[in-house]
Each structure stands twice: as C-alpha cells, then as structure tokens.
Amino acid sequence: MAKLVVRRTKALIGLAAASMVLAACGGSDDSSDGASDAGSEASSAGVAEAKKLVEGYRQDPTALTLPALTAKVPAGVKVTVISCKLPECLSAEPTYEEAAKALDWDLTITRSDLTPEAVSAAWTQALSDKPQSIISYSLVPDEVIKPQMEQADEEGINVILASTPLNVGDQGVDATVNASKVWAAGTATLTDWAIADSNGKAKAVVLYDGAYPLHVAAFEGAKARVEKLCPSCEIEGLKVQVTQVGKQIPGQVVSYLQKNPDITYVLSTQSAFVLGVGPAIKAAGLSAKVGTSWAQPTDLKAIKDGTQAAAVTLESLTGVWRMMDVAARFAGSGSAPAELLDPDSKVQVFDESNIDSADLENLWTVPDLAKTFTGAWSAAS
C-alpha cells in the first residue's frame, strides 16, 4: 500500500527581497517620417500576429504523448515532495498522492514556509529520510539549499525541481519541470493577450518578485514580447514579495495605479500575486484590467465575476505527473529521455470570450492526464 506523510515546517525570519524594481519601455524615439511609417507597419503586423497567437491559445489542449518506459517500475519506492502553503502548491498535493498510489510508492509531503531557514530545514529532513528521489519547488533562491542538493547528488538521491532557474546538471539537478523557459513563455503568452486585447495600445505593469531569478525570467519574457510584437506598447515592472501574498499586494497595486493612471493592464507572473487585486482596483474606482500566468480556479471564477480579465493556464498538474514519471523512470532504468528532463508546457488562455467553457472548480490540465501516465507505467510492467 502507498503511504503518505505530510509535514509542516516553520521559521521565524522573513525572506529578504531584492531592492531594485526592473522596468522597461517599448516606445520609439525616432521622429523621422520614414521610421515612423516603418514602426507603424511593424507594430500593426505584430498586433496581427498577437491576435492570431491568442486565438490559438484559447483552444482546448490535446493529450500528451510519452515515450515508452524501458524497464518495470518497482513498488515501495520512497519519494519526498517539498511543497509550500501557497495555493499553487496545495492544489497539486492530491495529484502527488494519486500518482504515488498508482505506483504503490511511499510518499512524504513536507509543507515549508517561504523562508530560507524553513526550506533549508525541509531539505535537511528530506535527506535524513533517505528517499530515492526528492521533488521540490524552487521556494527560495537555490543557492540557499546548494549544500543539501550537493549532498543528495553525492548520496545518489535523484533531485527533480519544479519552477527553478537551474538547468539540469546544476547543483546536482537531475530533471526540471516548468523551469525558466516555461515561466517566460507563460508571461509572454499573457502579454500577447494584452497586446491583442488593446489592439496594440497596452500600457502594462508586471507583478514579480525581484528576489527570484525565475520571476525575473518571466518579466523578461513579457518585455521580449512587447519588443517583438508591439513597439508602441509600454511595459513596466512592479516588485512584490511572495511573503506579502493576500496582504499588502492589493494596496501596493492600487497605489501604483493611482500614481500611474495611464496603466491599462496589471499582469502577474503567478496567480498568488493577484489575490484580491481585481476587487481592490474596482473599489478604488480604477479600470486597469488584471491578468495572470499560472492561473488557478480562483482566477477563472474572477473572470466569470468580472474582477479579472485574463488567465493563462499552464501545466501545474501535468508538471506533477511529469515529475513523478521521471522519478519512475529513474527508479526503473536509472535514466529518462532527454525530452522529459526539461519539457515545454502546453498552455491555454481564458478571457470573456471562452470563460463559459472553463472548469471553474478544478485546476486546469490536459485531457486524459492520469490515464496517459498510468498507462505508460502499466505498459512497462
């Protein structure tokens, strides 16, 4: 029988954040008529491309295809998941349990506070449990847990990280899911939506935590889309902190918008940052549209309720299955295909045009998700 243990870790000291707010502007200063005409044509073509892309993003995703396993997956394998207390972490835990049950594995989930001390303690505890694999989100700058990760590498414990700026091979990382390129792609998709929705007139601010390279990568992804598709659009960054989720962030955003009334879009690198932001903007009599990457069911409900305008869904639950799949392949044959060690993510955009087709109760995912992975595991037995 699969076994589940859930732990919680705490620490007293808050997470230090970087002090610099990154910002960018995509306007052109060239005043010549020829350059202006060329810029207008480029912007028009970019907006048309954004609209075409967004229309594709609105479509339902197709099921995954997986390479066959080359060896039987053993039962009774010990796996530790280092999770957190944010909605993005908590909503994934039942999927870890479902996957572990299908594999007949012993699963331990540790919920860590978002402080260096707590995450470090969670990793130390995980190492003491001697699992075959440690699966973890990048909850703090990865330098904080470098000693534990290197110890895992020395002891032959597989390290599989989600939402990390690290690459496979860095600090003993064996595989990544939803790493920097996926975060950048998610925010870029959201920016495409803002460009299309505004017909090339978007003035956006992106919420991100500057202390996390992953969030910075997501912000850079948004800036890159503006530079490519909409030189007439403008994009700035507003630094927030993960420790302020559901607390100071709504007021911080409202204050920013009051000082910058020309901002028409508030875009976020992750769902937690927009908790309460839409209602706060509405209560303040402001009209900026809110959208987020890594959307949760709460974001889809907010679109339905009219307090949010857009949501980009990515492979949150699929990422869980992907990580458990890589762990299964490591347990069976000791390796996994390169395409599974740092995969891309499917994506879907929801706004008022297709929100009626959205599942407002369950976390978004691709079709036949459990069947795809459990079928692959069973086929190898």
Protein backbone atom coordinates (compact mmCIF):
# COMPACT_ATOMS: atom_id res chain seq x y z
CA MET A 1 0.00 0.00 0.00
CA ALA A 2 1.22 3.53 -0.74
CA LYS A 3 1.99 5.59 2.34
CA LEU A 4 1.55 9.36 2.68
CA VAL A 5 3.10 11.52 5.36
CA VAL A 6 2.51 15.30 5.47
CA ARG A 7 4.87 17.53 7.46
CA ARG A 8 4.89 21.25 8.07
CA THR A 9 7.99 23.34 8.74
CA LYS A 10 8.20 26.84 10.15
CA ALA A 11 10.81 29.55 10.61
CA LEU A 12 10.78 32.98 12.22
CA ILE A 13 12.87 35.12 9.90
CA GLY A 14 11.24 36.58 6.75
CA LEU A 15 12.56 36.26 3.22
CA ALA A 16 14.86 39.06 2.16
CA ALA A 17 13.93 40.59 -1.21
CA ALA A 18 15.96 42.43 -3.79
CA SER A 19 15.57 46.22 -3.71
CA MET A 20 15.65 47.04 -7.40
CA VAL A 21 12.49 47.28 -9.48
CA LEU A 22 13.12 46.25 -13.08
CA ALA A 23 11.35 48.33 -15.68
CA ALA A 24 11.26 48.65 -19.44
CA CYS A 25 9.54 50.77 -22.04
CA GLY A 26 8.96 49.79 -25.64
CA GLY A 27 8.35 53.18 -27.28
CA SER A 28 10.35 54.61 -30.16
CA ASP A 29 12.11 57.98 -30.14
CA ASP A 30 12.81 58.19 -33.90
CA SER A 31 10.99 61.23 -35.26
CA SER A 32 11.60 60.78 -39.00
CA ASP A 33 8.52 60.15 -41.15
CA GLY A 34 10.01 57.06 -42.79
CA ALA A 35 10.97 55.49 -39.49
CA SER A 36 7.55 56.30 -38.08
CA ASP A 37 5.80 54.63 -41.01
CA ALA A 38 8.03 51.58 -40.74
CA GLY A 39 7.42 51.40 -37.00
CA SER A 40 3.68 51.67 -37.51
CA GLU A 41 3.72 48.86 -40.07
CA ALA A 42 5.84 46.68 -37.80
CA SER A 43 3.53 47.33 -34.87
CA SER A 44 0.44 46.56 -36.96
CA ALA A 45 1.97 43.29 -38.14
CA GLY A 46 2.94 42.44 -34.57
CA VAL A 47 -0.57 43.08 -33.28
CA ALA A 48 -1.99 40.87 -36.02
CA GLU A 49 0.45 38.13 -35.04
CA ALA A 50 -0.51 38.51 -31.36
CA LYS A 51 -4.21 38.20 -32.22
CA LYS A 52 -3.56 35.06 -34.26
CA LEU A 53 -1.50 33.53 -31.47
CA VAL A 54 -4.09 34.32 -28.82
CA GLU A 55 -6.87 32.78 -30.87
CA GLY A 56 -4.81 29.58 -30.93
CA TYR A 57 -4.10 29.82 -27.20
CA ARG A 58 -7.84 29.91 -26.50
CA GLN A 59 -8.34 26.44 -27.96
CA ASP A 60 -8.53 23.35 -25.75
CA PRO A 61 -5.24 21.43 -25.44
CA THR A 62 -4.62 17.95 -26.80
CA ALA A 63 -3.44 14.95 -24.78
CA LEU A 64 0.24 14.28 -24.15
CA THR A 65 2.26 11.55 -25.81
CA LEU A 66 5.03 9.86 -23.82
CA PRO A 67 7.99 7.73 -24.85
CA ALA A 68 7.70 4.13 -23.65
CA LEU A 69 9.43 3.14 -20.42
CA THR A 70 12.36 0.79 -20.90
CA ALA A 71 12.09 -1.03 -17.56
CA LYS A 72 9.47 -2.04 -14.99
CA VAL A 73 8.85 0.49 -12.21
CA PRO A 74 9.44 -1.05 -8.77
CA ALA A 75 6.89 -0.69 -5.95
CA GLY A 76 7.64 0.66 -2.48
CA VAL A 77 9.94 3.47 -3.65
CA LYS A 78 10.34 6.34 -1.15
CA VAL A 79 9.79 9.82 -2.57
CA THR A 80 9.75 13.12 -0.68
CA VAL A 81 7.98 16.20 -2.04
CA ILE A 82 8.95 19.57 -0.56
CA SER A 83 5.84 21.70 -1.03
CA CYS A 84 4.64 25.04 0.33
CA LYS A 85 1.49 26.73 1.65
CA LEU A 86 0.62 28.83 -1.41
CA PRO A 87 -2.46 27.82 -3.43
CA GLU A 88 -0.22 26.71 -6.30
CA CYS A 89 1.48 24.17 -4.03
CA LEU A 90 -1.54 22.98 -2.07
CA SER A 91 -3.67 22.38 -5.16
CA ALA A 92 -1.04 19.99 -6.53
CA GLU A 93 -0.76 17.73 -3.48
CA PRO A 94 -3.72 15.44 -4.28
CA THR A 95 -2.13 14.70 -7.64
CA TYR A 96 1.11 13.60 -5.99
CA GLU A 97 -0.98 11.29 -3.83
CA GLU A 98 -2.85 9.92 -6.86
CA ALA A 99 0.38 9.23 -8.72
CA ALA A 100 2.03 7.63 -5.68
CA LYS A 101 -0.98 5.37 -5.20
CA ALA A 102 -0.81 4.29 -8.83
CA LEU A 103 2.88 3.44 -8.43
CA ASP A 104 2.41 1.88 -4.97
CA TRP A 105 5.08 4.20 -3.59
CA ASP A 106 5.73 5.69 -0.13
CA LEU A 107 5.17 9.44 -0.41
CA THR A 108 6.10 12.12 2.11
CA ILE A 109 4.95 15.71 1.55
CA THR A 110 6.62 18.47 3.59
CA ARG A 111 4.93 21.88 3.52
CA SER A 112 7.54 24.54 4.08
CA ASP A 113 7.18 28.19 4.96
CA LEU A 114 8.65 30.56 2.36
CA THR A 115 11.80 31.43 4.29
CA PRO A 116 15.38 30.30 3.69
CA GLU A 117 15.51 28.74 7.14
CA ALA A 118 12.33 26.73 6.71
CA VAL A 119 13.18 25.49 3.22
CA SER A 120 16.70 24.55 4.29
CA ALA A 121 15.27 22.62 7.24
CA ALA A 122 12.82 20.83 4.95
CA TRP A 123 15.65 19.72 2.68
CA THR A 124 17.74 18.54 5.64
CA GLN A 125 14.79 16.48 6.88
CA ALA A 126 14.20 15.07 3.41
CA LEU A 127 17.81 13.92 3.18
CA SER A 128 17.56 12.19 6.54
CA ASP A 129 14.61 10.17 5.23
CA LYS A 130 16.86 8.65 2.54
CA PRO A 131 14.33 8.72 -0.33
CA GLN A 132 15.20 7.62 -3.82
CA SER A 133 14.01 10.96 -5.21
CA ILE A 134 13.38 14.45 -3.80
CA ILE A 135 10.85 16.54 -5.69
CA SER A 136 10.76 20.21 -4.79
CA TYR A 137 9.58 23.61 -5.91
CA SER A 138 12.10 26.42 -6.11
CA LEU A 139 10.79 28.13 -2.98
CA VAL A 140 13.82 30.30 -2.21
CA PRO A 141 16.95 31.21 -4.18
CA ASP A 142 18.54 27.85 -4.95
CA GLU A 143 21.88 28.94 -3.51
CA VAL A 144 20.25 28.58 -0.08
CA ILE A 145 19.89 24.81 -0.48
CA LYS A 146 23.04 24.21 -2.52
CA PRO A 147 24.73 22.16 0.26
CA GLN A 148 21.70 19.86 0.61
CA MET A 149 21.37 19.45 -3.14
CA GLU A 150 25.03 18.55 -3.47
CA GLN A 151 24.67 16.08 -0.60
CA ALA A 152 21.76 14.47 -2.42
CA ASP A 153 23.92 14.15 -5.51
CA GLU A 154 26.72 12.53 -3.51
CA GLU A 155 24.28 10.07 -1.93
CA GLY A 156 22.69 9.12 -5.24
CA ILE A 157 19.33 10.72 -4.45
CA ASN A 158 17.58 11.99 -7.56
CA VAL A 159 16.71 15.71 -7.43
CA ILE A 160 13.74 16.82 -9.54
CA LEU A 161 12.89 20.52 -9.33
CA ALA A 162 9.82 22.44 -10.42
CA SER A 163 9.78 26.15 -11.13
CA THR A 164 13.53 26.61 -10.93
CA PRO A 165 16.03 28.82 -12.75
CA LEU A 166 18.57 25.98 -12.56
CA ASN A 167 19.41 23.76 -15.50
CA VAL A 168 19.82 20.00 -15.48
CA GLY A 169 23.26 19.33 -14.05
CA ASP A 170 23.40 22.47 -11.89
CA GLN A 171 23.87 21.70 -8.17
CA GLY A 172 23.10 18.05 -8.79
CA VAL A 173 19.73 18.65 -10.52
CA ASP A 174 18.64 15.54 -12.43
CA ALA A 175 15.48 16.94 -14.03
CA THR A 176 13.37 20.09 -14.09
CA VAL A 177 9.72 20.81 -14.84
CA ASN A 178 8.20 24.22 -15.51
CA ALA A 179 11.62 25.87 -15.36
CA SER A 180 12.64 29.35 -16.54
CA LYS A 181 11.64 28.89 -20.18
CA VAL A 182 8.10 27.86 -19.17
CA TRP A 183 7.69 30.83 -16.81
CA ALA A 184 8.93 33.15 -19.55
CA ALA A 185 6.54 31.55 -22.04
CA GLY A 186 3.57 31.90 -19.66
CA THR A 187 4.06 35.61 -19.12
CA ALA A 188 4.85 36.11 -22.80
CA THR A 189 1.51 34.47 -23.64
CA LEU A 190 -0.25 36.80 -21.19
CA THR A 191 1.48 39.76 -22.82
CA ASP A 192 0.36 38.56 -26.26
CA TRP A 193 -3.18 38.64 -24.89
CA ALA A 194 -2.78 42.24 -23.63
CA ILE A 195 -1.34 43.35 -26.99
CA ALA A 196 -4.22 41.72 -28.85
CA ASP A 197 -6.90 42.89 -26.42
CA SER A 198 -5.68 46.51 -26.56
CA ASN A 199 -5.20 46.47 -30.33
CA GLY A 200 -1.57 47.41 -29.82
CA LYS A 201 -2.12 50.13 -27.22
CA ALA A 202 -1.34 48.26 -24.00
CA LYS A 203 0.38 50.02 -21.13
CA ALA A 204 1.12 47.23 -18.70
CA VAL A 205 2.75 46.68 -15.35
CA VAL A 206 4.02 43.21 -14.48
CA LEU A 207 3.98 41.97 -10.87
CA TYR A 208 7.03 39.87 -9.97
CA ASP A 209 9.33 39.14 -7.06
CA GLY A 210 12.75 40.50 -7.97
CA ALA A 211 14.43 38.23 -5.42
CA TYR A 212 13.68 35.21 -7.59
CA PRO A 213 15.53 34.67 -10.89
CA LEU A 214 12.53 32.69 -12.10
CA HIS A 215 10.23 35.69 -11.73
CA VAL A 216 12.79 37.92 -13.39
CA ALA A 217 12.88 35.45 -16.32
CA ALA A 218 9.10 35.70 -16.54
CA PHE A 219 9.25 39.50 -16.57
CA GLU A 220 11.92 39.36 -19.26
CA GLY A 221 9.63 37.10 -21.29
CA ALA A 222 6.93 39.75 -21.15
CA LYS A 223 9.31 42.51 -22.17
CA ALA A 224 10.58 40.44 -25.08
CA ARG A 225 7.06 40.09 -26.48
CA VAL A 226 6.46 43.84 -26.35
CA GLU A 227 9.79 44.49 -28.06
CA LYS A 228 8.96 41.96 -30.78
CA LEU A 229 5.27 42.50 -31.41
CA CYS A 230 4.29 45.93 -30.14
CA PRO A 231 6.86 48.76 -30.10
CA SER A 232 4.01 51.19 -29.43
CA CYS A 233 3.06 49.35 -26.24
CA GLU A 234 4.68 50.04 -22.88
CA ILE A 235 5.61 47.62 -20.11
CA GLU A 236 6.99 48.21 -16.64
CA GLY A 237 7.75 46.06 -13.62
CA LEU A 238 6.42 46.32 -10.09
CA LYS A 239 8.30 44.32 -7.50
CA VAL A 240 6.18 42.47 -4.94
CA GLN A 241 7.14 39.80 -2.42
CA VAL A 242 5.84 36.27 -2.03
CA THR A 243 5.59 36.89 1.71
CA GLN A 244 3.04 39.67 1.00
CA VAL A 245 0.57 37.45 -0.86
CA GLY A 246 -3.00 38.29 0.15
CA LYS A 247 -1.77 41.10 2.40
CA GLN A 248 -0.04 44.24 1.13
CA ILE A 249 -0.05 43.49 -2.60
CA PRO A 250 -3.59 44.74 -3.46
CA GLY A 251 -2.91 48.05 -1.75
CA GLN A 252 0.53 48.26 -3.36
CA VAL A 253 -1.00 47.79 -6.80
CA VAL A 254 -3.75 50.36 -6.21
CA SER A 255 -1.20 52.90 -5.00
CA TYR A 256 0.92 52.27 -8.09
CA LEU A 257 -2.05 52.72 -10.41
CA GLN A 258 -3.07 55.94 -8.69
CA LYS A 259 0.42 57.30 -9.32
CA ASN A 260 0.44 55.92 -12.88
CA PRO A 261 -3.13 56.38 -14.17
CA ASP A 262 -2.14 55.62 -17.77
CA ILE A 263 -1.54 51.92 -16.90
CA THR A 264 -4.26 49.82 -18.54
CA TYR A 265 -3.13 46.26 -17.66
CA VAL A 266 -1.87 44.64 -14.47
CA LEU A 267 -0.20 41.37 -15.42
CA SER A 268 1.22 38.89 -12.94
CA THR A 269 3.89 36.22 -13.14
CA GLN A 270 1.84 33.96 -10.83
CA SER A 271 -1.70 33.66 -9.55
CA ALA A 272 -0.98 34.32 -5.88
CA PHE A 273 0.12 37.89 -6.60
CA VAL A 274 -3.33 38.92 -7.86
CA LEU A 275 -5.32 37.60 -4.90
CA GLY A 276 -7.63 40.49 -4.03
CA VAL A 277 -6.12 42.80 -6.65
CA GLY A 278 -9.11 42.93 -9.01
CA PRO A 279 -11.65 43.83 -6.31
CA ALA A 280 -9.22 46.38 -4.84
CA ILE A 281 -8.83 48.08 -8.23
CA LYS A 282 -12.60 48.15 -8.69
CA ALA A 283 -13.19 49.51 -5.17
CA ALA A 284 -10.69 52.30 -5.85
CA GLY A 285 -12.63 53.37 -8.95
CA LEU A 286 -9.82 52.33 -11.30
CA SER A 287 -10.18 50.44 -14.56
CA ALA A 288 -6.94 48.57 -15.28
CA LYS A 289 -7.51 45.01 -16.48
CA VAL A 290 -5.98 42.18 -14.44
CA GLY A 291 -4.46 39.01 -15.86
CA THR A 292 -2.16 36.34 -14.53
CA SER A 293 0.02 33.47 -15.61
CA TRP A 294 -0.10 30.14 -13.71
CA ALA A 295 -3.84 30.63 -13.24
CA GLN A 296 -5.83 28.82 -10.56
CA PRO A 297 -9.59 28.13 -10.47
CA THR A 298 -9.98 31.33 -8.42
CA ASP A 299 -8.70 33.30 -11.42
CA LEU A 300 -11.20 31.68 -13.75
CA LYS A 301 -14.01 32.45 -11.30
CA ALA A 302 -12.77 36.05 -11.14
CA ILE A 303 -13.05 36.33 -14.92
CA LYS A 304 -16.59 34.99 -14.70
CA ASP A 305 -17.35 37.51 -11.92
CA GLY A 306 -15.82 40.39 -13.86
CA THR A 307 -12.98 41.24 -11.44
CA GLN A 308 -10.28 39.77 -13.67
CA ALA A 309 -9.84 39.91 -17.44
CA ALA A 310 -7.49 37.07 -18.41
CA ALA A 311 -5.79 33.96 -17.14
CA VAL A 312 -3.05 31.83 -18.63
CA THR A 313 -3.13 28.21 -17.55
CA LEU A 314 -0.02 26.04 -17.72
CA GLU A 315 0.93 22.52 -16.75
CA SER A 316 0.62 22.70 -12.97
CA LEU A 317 -0.94 19.27 -12.52
CA THR A 318 0.74 17.92 -15.62
CA GLY A 319 4.03 19.02 -14.09
CA VAL A 320 3.31 16.87 -11.04
CA TRP A 321 2.71 13.83 -13.22
CA ARG A 322 5.81 14.66 -15.27
CA MET A 323 7.99 14.76 -12.15
CA MET A 324 6.58 11.50 -10.80
CA ASP A 325 7.07 9.98 -14.26
CA VAL A 326 10.73 10.97 -14.35
CA ALA A 327 11.16 9.58 -10.83
CA ALA A 328 9.53 6.34 -12.01
CA ARG A 329 11.89 6.09 -14.96
CA PHE A 330 14.89 6.76 -12.70
CA ALA A 331 13.65 4.06 -10.32
CA GLY A 332 13.17 1.56 -13.15
CA SER A 333 16.04 2.01 -15.56
CA GLY A 334 18.17 4.70 -13.92
CA SER A 335 17.58 7.21 -16.72
CA ALA A 336 14.95 9.12 -18.66
CA PRO A 337 14.79 10.51 -22.22
CA ALA A 338 16.30 13.98 -22.57
CA GLU A 339 12.95 15.38 -23.79
CA LEU A 340 11.43 14.61 -20.37
CA LEU A 341 14.19 16.24 -18.31
CA ASP A 342 13.25 19.84 -19.17
CA PRO A 343 9.93 19.76 -21.08
CA ASP A 344 7.90 22.60 -22.54
CA SER A 345 4.36 23.23 -21.30
CA LYS A 346 1.02 23.29 -23.02
CA VAL A 347 -0.93 26.49 -22.45
CA GLN A 348 -4.45 27.89 -22.67
CA VAL A 349 -5.74 31.45 -22.40
CA PHE A 350 -9.10 32.23 -20.82
CA ASP A 351 -10.92 35.54 -21.07
CA GLU A 352 -14.52 36.64 -21.50
CA SER A 353 -14.67 35.04 -24.96
CA ASN A 354 -14.25 31.45 -23.72
CA ILE A 355 -14.71 31.51 -19.94
CA ASP A 356 -18.05 29.72 -20.22
CA SER A 357 -16.16 26.60 -21.35
CA ALA A 358 -13.75 26.66 -18.38
CA ASP A 359 -13.82 24.31 -15.41
CA LEU A 360 -14.20 26.75 -12.51
CA GLU A 361 -13.75 24.14 -9.78
CA ASN A 362 -10.70 22.10 -10.76
CA LEU A 363 -7.15 23.00 -11.69
CA TRP A 364 -6.69 23.17 -15.45
CA THR A 365 -5.00 20.23 -17.12
CA VAL A 366 -4.63 18.44 -20.44
CA PRO A 367 -7.04 15.63 -21.42
CA ASP A 368 -6.59 12.06 -20.17
CA LEU A 369 -3.75 13.10 -17.88
CA ALA A 370 -3.79 10.30 -15.32
CA LYS A 371 -4.61 7.73 -17.99
CA THR A 372 -1.63 8.82 -20.09
CA PHE A 373 0.91 8.36 -17.30
CA THR A 374 -0.53 5.34 -15.51
CA GLY A 375 -0.97 3.65 -18.86
CA ALA A 376 2.71 4.19 -19.65
CA TRP A 377 3.72 2.83 -16.25
CA SER A 378 1.48 -0.21 -16.57
CA ALA A 379 2.76 -0.95 -20.06
CA ALA A 380 6.27 -1.29 -18.62
CA SER A 381 5.25 -3.93 -16.05
